[in-house]
Structures are given as C-alpha cells and as structure tokens.
Amino acid sequence: MRAYLIRFVGYEVVLGIAAWMAHALWSSHGLGAVESLRRFHDAGIAALLLAPFVLATFRTRRARALAALIAGLLIGAALTAPYVCAVAAGV
C-alpha cells in the first residue's frame, strides 16, 4: 500500500504541474475565448488529473515502465496541445 501511495503522489505532482503549465499556455494563447475548443481543454485537464489513479496501480517493473511512458506521453500531449489548437483555430 505504501508503494502505491508513493507512486500515486509522484504521478499526481508531475501530472498536476503539467496540467498547470498546459492551462497557463492555453490562457496565454487566448484560447479560453474560443468556445468550440473548451471541451478539448476540459477533457485534457480531466485526463491529466485522473491518470495518476490508473498509473499508480501498475505493480510489476515492466508495467511501471509502461506507466512512466504513458505519463510522459500525456505530458507531451498536454504541453503541445495549446500550440496545435492555436494554429488550428487561427488565434
């Protein structure tokens, strides 16, 4: 149980910081005013904040490496999404 809590807190801190940075980038690009993109922002932040519950449950060494890879992919997607949405929306 202790190992689960340590993994959970670690993932929550890292993904929480990524969510905060993604929200800051989203706001700095002025994407908060584009109503059609609101659902993408909400879904992305929700995924980043709920992912630690799932990622922390992986117990074996191989599964934990996969969880770290998934966390890295989520962070990369969260930090590049505001740029892609800004270009797509023409903001």
PDB file of N, CA and C in Angstrom:
ATOM      1  N   MET A   1       0.822  -1.193   0.000  1.00  0.00           N
ATOM      2  CA  MET A   1       0.000   0.000   0.000  1.00  0.00           C
ATOM      3  C   MET A   1       0.872   1.266   0.000  1.00  0.00           C
ATOM      4  N   ARG A   2       1.986   1.194   0.727  1.00  0.00           N
ATOM      5  CA  ARG A   2       2.873   2.353   0.801  1.00  0.00           C
ATOM      6  C   ARG A   2       3.462   2.681  -0.570  1.00  0.00           C
ATOM      7  N   ALA A   3       3.836   1.640  -1.320  1.00  0.00           N
ATOM      8  CA  ALA A   3       4.410   1.856  -2.651  1.00  0.00           C
ATOM      9  C   ALA A   3       3.387   2.483  -3.583  1.00  0.00           C
ATOM     10  N   TYR A   4       2.122   2.050  -3.463  1.00  0.00           N
ATOM     11  CA  TYR A   4       1.059   2.645  -4.288  1.00  0.00           C
ATOM     12  C   TYR A   4       0.921   4.133  -3.982  1.00  0.00           C
ATOM     13  N   LEU A   5       0.923   4.487  -2.717  1.00  0.00           N
ATOM     14  CA  LEU A   5       0.772   5.898  -2.342  1.00  0.00           C
ATOM     15  C   LEU A   5       1.944   6.745  -2.826  1.00  0.00           C
ATOM     16  N   ILE A   6       3.146   6.197  -2.747  1.00  0.00           N
ATOM     17  CA  ILE A   6       4.323   6.932  -3.233  1.00  0.00           C
ATOM     18  C   ILE A   6       4.223   7.150  -4.733  1.00  0.00           C
ATOM     19  N   ARG A   7       3.863   6.074  -5.477  1.00  0.00           N
ATOM     20  CA  ARG A   7       3.707   6.220  -6.933  1.00  0.00           C
ATOM     21  C   ARG A   7       2.589   7.188  -7.255  1.00  0.00           C
ATOM     22  N   PHE A   8       1.480   7.103  -6.527  1.00  0.00           N
ATOM     23  CA  PHE A   8       0.339   7.989  -6.774  1.00  0.00           C
ATOM     24  C   PHE A   8       0.703   9.444  -6.562  1.00  0.00           C
ATOM     25  N   VAL A   9       1.342   9.740  -5.462  1.00  0.00           N
ATOM     26  CA  VAL A   9       1.727  11.121  -5.170  1.00  0.00           C
ATOM     27  C   VAL A   9       2.731  11.630  -6.208  1.00  0.00           C
ATOM     28  N   GLY A  10       3.667  10.787  -6.590  1.00  0.00           N
ATOM     29  CA  GLY A  10       4.637  11.182  -7.613  1.00  0.00           C
ATOM     30  C   GLY A  10       3.970  11.518  -8.940  1.00  0.00           C
ATOM     31  N   TYR A  11       3.097  10.623  -9.394  1.00  0.00           N
ATOM     32  CA  TYR A  11       2.381  10.889 -10.652  1.00  0.00           C
ATOM     33  C   TYR A  11       1.475  12.108 -10.520  1.00  0.00           C
ATOM     34  N   GLU A  12       0.836  12.264  -9.384  1.00  0.00           N
ATOM     35  CA  GLU A  12      -0.083  13.394  -9.196  1.00  0.00           C
ATOM     36  C   GLU A  12       0.680  14.719  -9.238  1.00  0.00           C
ATOM     37  N   VAL A  13       1.838  14.774  -8.607  1.00  0.00           N
ATOM     38  CA  VAL A  13       2.628  16.014  -8.616  1.00  0.00           C
ATOM     39  C   VAL A  13       3.102  16.340 -10.032  1.00  0.00           C
ATOM     40  N   VAL A  14       3.676  15.340 -10.706  1.00  0.00           N
ATOM     41  CA  VAL A  14       4.220  15.579 -12.044  1.00  0.00           C
ATOM     42  C   VAL A  14       3.113  15.943 -13.036  1.00  0.00           C
ATOM     43  N   LEU A  15       2.027  15.182 -13.035  1.00  0.00           N
ATOM     44  CA  LEU A  15       0.938  15.469 -13.974  1.00  0.00           C
ATOM     45  C   LEU A  15       0.163  16.722 -13.566  1.00  0.00           C
ATOM     46  N   GLY A  16       0.124  17.029 -12.282  1.00  0.00           N
ATOM     47  CA  GLY A  16      -0.511  18.266 -11.832  1.00  0.00           C
ATOM     48  C   GLY A  16       0.253  19.491 -12.304  1.00  0.00           C
ATOM     49  N   ILE A  17       1.578  19.420 -12.256  1.00  0.00           N
ATOM     50  CA  ILE A  17       2.402  20.527 -12.764  1.00  0.00           C
ATOM     51  C   ILE A  17       2.211  20.664 -14.271  1.00  0.00           C
ATOM     52  N   ALA A  18       2.141  19.528 -14.980  1.00  0.00           N
ATOM     53  CA  ALA A  18       1.895  19.581 -16.427  1.00  0.00           C
ATOM     54  C   ALA A  18       0.527  20.179 -16.731  1.00  0.00           C
ATOM     55  N   ALA A  19      -0.485  19.851 -15.926  1.00  0.00           N
ATOM     56  CA  ALA A  19      -1.817  20.423 -16.129  1.00  0.00           C
ATOM     57  C   ALA A  19      -1.795  21.931 -15.888  1.00  0.00           C
ATOM     58  N   TRP A  20      -1.067  22.363 -14.863  1.00  0.00           N
ATOM     59  CA  TRP A  20      -0.970  23.794 -14.576  1.00  0.00           C
ATOM     60  C   TRP A  20      -0.266  24.525 -15.723  1.00  0.00           C
ATOM     61  N   MET A  21       0.815  23.934 -16.225  1.00  0.00           N
ATOM     62  CA  MET A  21       1.544  24.558 -17.331  1.00  0.00           C
ATOM     63  C   MET A  21       0.701  24.585 -18.597  1.00  0.00           C
ATOM     64  N   ALA A  22      -0.042  23.506 -18.864  1.00  0.00           N
ATOM     65  CA  ALA A  22      -0.904  23.462 -20.048  1.00  0.00           C
ATOM     66  C   ALA A  22      -2.000  24.516 -19.952  1.00  0.00           C
ATOM     67  N   HIS A  23      -2.554  24.689 -18.767  1.00  0.00           N
ATOM     68  CA  HIS A  23      -3.588  25.717 -18.585  1.00  0.00           C
ATOM     69  C   HIS A  23      -3.000  27.119 -18.775  1.00  0.00           C
ATOM     70  N   ALA A  24      -1.795  27.328 -18.274  1.00  0.00           N
ATOM     71  CA  ALA A  24      -1.143  28.631 -18.462  1.00  0.00           C
ATOM     72  C   ALA A  24      -0.869  28.899 -19.934  1.00  0.00           C
ATOM     73  N   LEU A  25      -0.412  27.878 -20.672  1.00  0.00           N
ATOM     74  CA  LEU A  25      -0.181  28.051 -22.108  1.00  0.00           C
ATOM     75  C   LEU A  25      -1.495  28.281 -22.846  1.00  0.00           C
ATOM     76  N   TRP A  26      -2.523  27.583 -22.429  1.00  0.00           N
ATOM     77  CA  TRP A  26      -3.849  27.730 -23.049  1.00  0.00           C
ATOM     78  C   TRP A  26      -4.344  29.159 -22.881  1.00  0.00           C
ATOM     79  N   SER A  27      -4.198  29.692 -21.695  1.00  0.00           N
ATOM     80  CA  SER A  27      -4.654  31.057 -21.430  1.00  0.00           C
ATOM     81  C   SER A  27      -3.792  32.098 -22.133  1.00  0.00           C
ATOM     82  N   SER A  28      -2.489  31.860 -22.192  1.00  0.00           N
ATOM     83  CA  SER A  28      -1.604  32.846 -22.812  1.00  0.00           C
ATOM     84  C   SER A  28      -1.813  32.945 -24.314  1.00  0.00           C
ATOM     85  N   HIS A  29      -2.308  31.876 -24.929  1.00  0.00           N
ATOM     86  CA  HIS A  29      -2.606  31.917 -26.356  1.00  0.00           C
ATOM     87  C   HIS A  29      -4.002  32.467 -26.642  1.00  0.00           C
ATOM     88  N   GLY A  30      -4.755  32.797 -25.615  1.00  0.00           N
ATOM     89  CA  GLY A  30      -6.094  33.348 -25.801  1.00  0.00           C
ATOM     90  C   GLY A  30      -7.118  32.318 -26.227  1.00  0.00           C
ATOM     91  N   LEU A  31      -6.867  31.052 -25.917  1.00  0.00           N
ATOM     92  CA  LEU A  31      -7.790  30.005 -26.341  1.00  0.00           C
ATOM     93  C   LEU A  31      -8.993  29.862 -25.422  1.00  0.00           C
ATOM     94  N   GLY A  32      -8.976  30.526 -24.284  1.00  0.00           N
ATOM     95  CA  GLY A  32     -10.123  30.487 -23.388  1.00  0.00           C
ATOM     96  C   GLY A  32     -11.344  31.163 -23.984  1.00  0.00           C
ATOM     97  N   ALA A  33     -11.123  32.067 -24.911  1.00  0.00           N
ATOM     98  CA  ALA A  33     -12.234  32.781 -25.546  1.00  0.00           C
ATOM     99  C   ALA A  33     -12.869  31.988 -26.683  1.00  0.00           C
ATOM    100  N   VAL A  34     -12.201  30.940 -27.158  1.00  0.00           N
ATOM    101  CA  VAL A  34     -12.727  30.127 -28.254  1.00  0.00           C
ATOM    102  C   VAL A  34     -13.594  29.027 -27.650  1.00  0.00           C
ATOM    103  N   GLU A  35     -14.902  29.204 -27.746  1.00  0.00           N
ATOM    104  CA  GLU A  35     -15.842  28.300 -27.090  1.00  0.00           C
ATOM    105  C   GLU A  35     -15.829  26.893 -27.694  1.00  0.00           C
ATOM    106  N   SER A  36     -15.545  26.775 -28.979  1.00  0.00           N
ATOM    107  CA  SER A  36     -15.562  25.454 -29.615  1.00  0.00           C
ATOM    108  C   SER A  36     -14.406  24.571 -29.147  1.00  0.00           C
ATOM    109  N   LEU A  37     -13.372  25.150 -28.567  1.00  0.00           N
ATOM    110  CA  LEU A  37     -12.234  24.381 -28.069  1.00  0.00           C
ATOM    111  C   LEU A  37     -12.313  24.075 -26.577  1.00  0.00           C
ATOM    112  N   ARG A  38     -13.337  24.576 -25.920  1.00  0.00           N
ATOM    113  CA  ARG A  38     -13.459  24.414 -24.462  1.00  0.00           C
ATOM    114  C   ARG A  38     -13.486  22.942 -24.055  1.00  0.00           C
ATOM    115  N   ARG A  39     -14.188  22.091 -24.826  1.00  0.00           N
ATOM    116  CA  ARG A  39     -14.297  20.681 -24.442  1.00  0.00           C
ATOM    117  C   ARG A  39     -12.954  19.958 -24.528  1.00  0.00           C
ATOM    118  N   PHE A  40     -12.081  20.367 -25.469  1.00  0.00           N
ATOM    119  CA  PHE A  40     -10.754  19.769 -25.550  1.00  0.00           C
ATOM    120  C   PHE A  40      -9.928  20.114 -24.313  1.00  0.00           C
ATOM    121  N   HIS A  41     -10.033  21.346 -23.896  1.00  0.00           N
ATOM    122  CA  HIS A  41      -9.294  21.788 -22.712  1.00  0.00           C
ATOM    123  C   HIS A  41      -9.785  21.053 -21.467  1.00  0.00           C
ATOM    124  N   ASP A  42     -11.098  20.986 -21.308  1.00  0.00           N
ATOM    125  CA  ASP A  42     -11.657  20.324 -20.134  1.00  0.00           C
ATOM    126  C   ASP A  42     -11.316  18.836 -20.106  1.00  0.00           C
ATOM    127  N   ALA A  43     -11.385  18.179 -21.259  1.00  0.00           N
ATOM    128  CA  ALA A  43     -11.070  16.750 -21.319  1.00  0.00           C
ATOM    129  C   ALA A  43      -9.587  16.509 -21.040  1.00  0.00           C
ATOM    130  N   GLY A  44      -8.726  17.371 -21.541  1.00  0.00           N
ATOM    131  CA  GLY A  44      -7.293  17.208 -21.314  1.00  0.00           C
ATOM    132  C   GLY A  44      -6.907  17.381 -19.864  1.00  0.00           C
ATOM    133  N   ILE A  45      -7.452  18.396 -19.231  1.00  0.00           N
ATOM    134  CA  ILE A  45      -7.149  18.621 -17.814  1.00  0.00           C
ATOM    135  C   ILE A  45      -7.708  17.485 -16.967  1.00  0.00           C
ATOM    136  N   ALA A  46      -8.914  17.024 -17.283  1.00  0.00           N
ATOM    137  CA  ALA A  46      -9.503  15.907 -16.531  1.00  0.00           C
ATOM    138  C   ALA A  46      -8.657  14.643 -16.689  1.00  0.00           C
ATOM    139  N   ALA A  47      -8.169  14.390 -17.898  1.00  0.00           N
ATOM    140  CA  ALA A  47      -7.323  13.205 -18.118  1.00  0.00           C
ATOM    141  C   ALA A  47      -6.030  13.299 -17.322  1.00  0.00           C
ATOM    142  N   LEU A  48      -5.438  14.486 -17.278  1.00  0.00           N
ATOM    143  CA  LEU A  48      -4.191  14.646 -16.524  1.00  0.00           C
ATOM    144  C   LEU A  48      -4.407  14.487 -15.027  1.00  0.00           C
ATOM    145  N   LEU A  49      -5.551  14.907 -14.542  1.00  0.00           N
ATOM    146  CA  LEU A  49      -5.789  14.825 -13.104  1.00  0.00           C
ATOM    147  C   LEU A  49      -6.312  13.459 -12.660  1.00  0.00           C
ATOM    148  N   LEU A  50      -6.897  12.675 -13.572  1.00  0.00           N
ATOM    149  CA  LEU A  50      -7.396  11.349 -13.218  1.00  0.00           C
ATOM    150  C   LEU A  50      -6.406  10.229 -13.533  1.00  0.00           C
ATOM    151  N   ALA A  51      -5.446  10.489 -14.395  1.00  0.00           N
ATOM    152  CA  ALA A  51      -4.489   9.459 -14.808  1.00  0.00           C
ATOM    153  C   ALA A  51      -3.676   8.873 -13.656  1.00  0.00           C
ATOM    154  N   PRO A  52      -3.282   9.629 -12.638  1.00  0.00           N
ATOM    155  CA  PRO A  52      -2.477   9.025 -11.560  1.00  0.00           C
ATOM    156  C   PRO A  52      -3.166   7.857 -10.860  1.00  0.00           C
ATOM    157  N   PHE A  53      -4.496   7.863 -10.781  1.00  0.00           N
ATOM    158  CA  PHE A  53      -5.200   6.746 -10.153  1.00  0.00           C
ATOM    159  C   PHE A  53      -4.928   5.449 -10.903  1.00  0.00           C
ATOM    160  N   VAL A  54      -4.932   5.520 -12.224  1.00  0.00           N
ATOM    161  CA  VAL A  54      -4.701   4.336 -13.045  1.00  0.00           C
ATOM    162  C   VAL A  54      -3.212   3.999 -13.106  1.00  0.00           C
ATOM    163  N   LEU A  55      -2.381   4.991 -13.323  1.00  0.00           N
ATOM    164  CA  LEU A  55      -0.950   4.745 -13.498  1.00  0.00           C
ATOM    165  C   LEU A  55      -0.295   4.185 -12.246  1.00  0.00           C
ATOM    166  N   ALA A  56      -0.760   4.565 -11.083  1.00  0.00           N
ATOM    167  CA  ALA A  56      -0.151   4.097  -9.836  1.00  0.00           C
ATOM    168  C   ALA A  56      -0.488   2.642  -9.528  1.00  0.00           C
ATOM    169  N   THR A  57      -1.483   2.071 -10.203  1.00  0.00           N
ATOM    170  CA  THR A  57      -1.869   0.689  -9.904  1.00  0.00           C
ATOM    171  C   THR A  57      -0.953  -0.339 -10.555  1.00  0.00           C
ATOM    172  N   PHE A  58      -0.112   0.052 -11.509  1.00  0.00           N
ATOM    173  CA  PHE A  58       0.791  -0.889 -12.165  1.00  0.00           C
ATOM    174  C   PHE A  58       1.857  -1.335 -11.171  1.00  0.00           C
ATOM    175  N   ARG A  59       1.973  -2.647 -10.959  1.00  0.00           N
ATOM    176  CA  ARG A  59       2.839  -3.154  -9.896  1.00  0.00           C
ATOM    177  C   ARG A  59       4.164  -3.717 -10.376  1.00  0.00           C
ATOM    178  N   THR A  60       4.182  -4.403 -11.493  1.00  0.00           N
ATOM    179  CA  THR A  60       5.417  -5.039 -11.925  1.00  0.00           C
ATOM    180  C   THR A  60       6.372  -4.008 -12.514  1.00  0.00           C
ATOM    181  N   ARG A  61       7.624  -4.368 -12.601  1.00  0.00           N
ATOM    182  CA  ARG A  61       8.645  -3.444 -13.096  1.00  0.00           C
ATOM    183  C   ARG A  61       8.360  -3.028 -14.537  1.00  0.00           C
ATOM    184  N   ARG A  62       7.973  -3.991 -15.373  1.00  0.00           N
ATOM    185  CA  ARG A  62       7.669  -3.689 -16.766  1.00  0.00           C
ATOM    186  C   ARG A  62       6.446  -2.789 -16.888  1.00  0.00           C
ATOM    187  N   ALA A  63       5.445  -3.073 -16.079  1.00  0.00           N
ATOM    188  CA  ALA A  63       4.227  -2.265 -16.119  1.00  0.00           C
ATOM    189  C   ALA A  63       4.496  -0.845 -15.616  1.00  0.00           C
ATOM    190  N   ARG A  64       5.373  -0.717 -14.633  1.00  0.00           N
ATOM    191  CA  ARG A  64       5.715   0.630 -14.145  1.00  0.00           C
ATOM    192  C   ARG A  64       6.479   1.413 -15.189  1.00  0.00           C
ATOM    193  N   ALA A  65       7.314   0.741 -15.971  1.00  0.00           N
ATOM    194  CA  ALA A  65       8.000   1.422 -17.073  1.00  0.00           C
ATOM    195  C   ALA A  65       6.988   1.877 -18.119  1.00  0.00           C
ATOM    196  N   LEU A  66       5.994   1.052 -18.387  1.00  0.00           N
ATOM    197  CA  LEU A  66       4.929   1.434 -19.317  1.00  0.00           C
ATOM    198  C   LEU A  66       4.134   2.617 -18.768  1.00  0.00           C
ATOM    199  N   ALA A  67       3.874   2.618 -17.460  1.00  0.00           N
ATOM    200  CA  ALA A  67       3.150   3.732 -16.834  1.00  0.00           C
ATOM    201  C   ALA A  67       3.950   5.027 -16.947  1.00  0.00           C
ATOM    202  N   ALA A  68       5.255   4.951 -16.766  1.00  0.00           N
ATOM    203  CA  ALA A  68       6.091   6.145 -16.911  1.00  0.00           C
ATOM    204  C   ALA A  68       6.077   6.645 -18.350  1.00  0.00           C
ATOM    205  N   LEU A  69       6.085   5.722 -19.305  1.00  0.00           N
ATOM    206  CA  LEU A  69       6.000   6.108 -20.710  1.00  0.00           C
ATOM    207  C   LEU A  69       4.664   6.784 -21.008  1.00  0.00           C
ATOM    208  N   ILE A  70       3.587   6.222 -20.504  1.00  0.00           N
ATOM    209  CA  ILE A  70       2.263   6.818 -20.715  1.00  0.00           C
ATOM    210  C   ILE A  70       2.199   8.201 -20.077  1.00  0.00           C
ATOM    211  N   ALA A  71       2.756   8.352 -18.888  1.00  0.00           N
ATOM    212  CA  ALA A  71       2.776   9.661 -18.227  1.00  0.00           C
ATOM    213  C   ALA A  71       3.561  10.671 -19.066  1.00  0.00           C
ATOM    214  N   GLY A  72       4.688  10.243 -19.613  1.00  0.00           N
ATOM    215  CA  GLY A  72       5.473  11.134 -20.476  1.00  0.00           C
ATOM    216  C   GLY A  72       4.718  11.532 -21.724  1.00  0.00           C
ATOM    217  N   LEU A  73       3.997  10.594 -22.310  1.00  0.00           N
ATOM    218  CA  LEU A  73       3.186  10.917 -23.487  1.00  0.00           C
ATOM    219  C   LEU A  73       2.066  11.889 -23.147  1.00  0.00           C
ATOM    220  N   LEU A  74       1.445  11.702 -21.992  1.00  0.00           N
ATOM    221  CA  LEU A  74       0.390  12.630 -21.560  1.00  0.00           C
ATOM    222  C   LEU A  74       0.951  14.036 -21.342  1.00  0.00           C
ATOM    223  N   ILE A  75       2.125  14.104 -20.739  1.00  0.00           N
ATOM    224  CA  ILE A  75       2.755  15.410 -20.507  1.00  0.00           C
ATOM    225  C   ILE A  75       3.087  16.075 -21.838  1.00  0.00           C
ATOM    226  N   GLY A  76       3.655  15.321 -22.757  1.00  0.00           N
ATOM    227  CA  GLY A  76       3.981  15.868 -24.072  1.00  0.00           C
ATOM    228  C   GLY A  76       2.751  16.346 -24.815  1.00  0.00           C
ATOM    229  N   ALA A  77       1.692  15.564 -24.755  1.00  0.00           N
ATOM    230  CA  ALA A  77       0.452  15.965 -25.427  1.00  0.00           C
ATOM    231  C   ALA A  77      -0.150  17.208 -24.783  1.00  0.00           C
ATOM    232  N   ALA A  78      -0.082  17.278 -23.463  1.00  0.00           N
ATOM    233  CA  ALA A  78      -0.669  18.428 -22.765  1.00  0.00           C
ATOM    234  C   ALA A  78       0.082  19.718 -23.057  1.00  0.00           C
ATOM    235  N   LEU A  79       1.400  19.620 -23.191  1.00  0.00           N
ATOM    236  CA  LEU A  79       2.184  20.834 -23.401  1.00  0.00           C
ATOM    237  C   LEU A  79       2.205  21.277 -24.860  1.00  0.00           C
ATOM    238  N   THR A  80       1.921  20.381 -25.798  1.00  0.00           N
ATOM    239  CA  THR A  80       1.893  20.785 -27.203  1.00  0.00           C
ATOM    240  C   THR A  80       0.480  21.091 -27.697  1.00  0.00           C
ATOM    241  N   ALA A  81      -0.540  20.634 -26.992  1.00  0.00           N
ATOM    242  CA  ALA A  81      -1.920  20.865 -27.438  1.00  0.00           C
ATOM    243  C   ALA A  81      -2.291  22.336 -27.570  1.00  0.00           C
ATOM    244  N   PRO A  82      -1.886  23.227 -26.654  1.00  0.00           N
ATOM    245  CA  PRO A  82      -2.254  24.636 -26.852  1.00  0.00           C
ATOM    246  C   PRO A  82      -1.685  25.230 -28.149  1.00  0.00           C
ATOM    247  N   TYR A  83      -0.501  24.837 -28.520  1.00  0.00           N
ATOM    248  CA  TYR A  83       0.084  25.354 -29.767  1.00  0.00           C
ATOM    249  C   TYR A  83      -0.700  24.858 -30.968  1.00  0.00           C
ATOM    250  N   VAL A  84      -1.018  23.573 -30.981  1.00  0.00           N
ATOM    251  CA  VAL A  84      -1.753  22.981 -32.093  1.00  0.00           C
ATOM    252  C   VAL A  84      -3.149  23.590 -32.189  1.00  0.00           C
ATOM    253  N   CYS A  85      -3.820  23.746 -31.076  1.00  0.00           N
ATOM    254  CA  CYS A  85      -5.173  24.317 -31.078  1.00  0.00           C
ATOM    255  C   CYS A  85      -5.140  25.781 -31.510  1.00  0.00           C
ATOM    256  N   ALA A  86      -4.100  26.517 -31.106  1.00  0.00           N
ATOM    257  CA  ALA A  86      -3.991  27.920 -31.505  1.00  0.00           C
ATOM    258  C   ALA A  86      -3.811  28.039 -33.001  1.00  0.00           C
ATOM    259  N   VAL A  87      -3.012  27.170 -33.599  1.00  0.00           N
ATOM    260  CA  VAL A  87      -2.818  27.183 -35.031  1.00  0.00           C
ATOM    261  C   VAL A  87      -4.087  26.765 -35.749  1.00  0.00           C
ATOM    262  N   ALA A  88      -4.740  25.720 -35.250  1.00  0.00           N
ATOM    263  CA  ALA A  88      -5.962  25.216 -35.886  1.00  0.00           C
ATOM    264  C   ALA A  88      -7.101  26.229 -35.799  1.00  0.00           C
ATOM    265  N   ALA A  89      -7.189  26.941 -34.685  1.00  0.00           N
ATOM    266  CA  ALA A  89      -8.261  27.910 -34.510  1.00  0.00           C
ATOM    267  C   ALA A  89      -7.939  29.255 -35.171  1.00  0.00           C
ATOM    268  N   GLY A  90      -6.700  29.414 -35.548  1.00  0.00           N
ATOM    269  CA  GLY A  90      -6.307  30.673 -36.199  1.00  0.00           C
ATOM    270  C   GLY A  90      -6.217  31.838 -35.232  1.00  0.00           C
ATOM    271  N   VAL A  91      -5.922  31.538 -33.982  1.00  0.00           N
ATOM    272  CA  VAL A  91      -5.820  32.599 -32.959  1.00  0.00           C
ATOM    273  C   VAL A  91      -4.426  33.153 -32.949  1.00  0.00           C
TER     274      VAL A  91
END
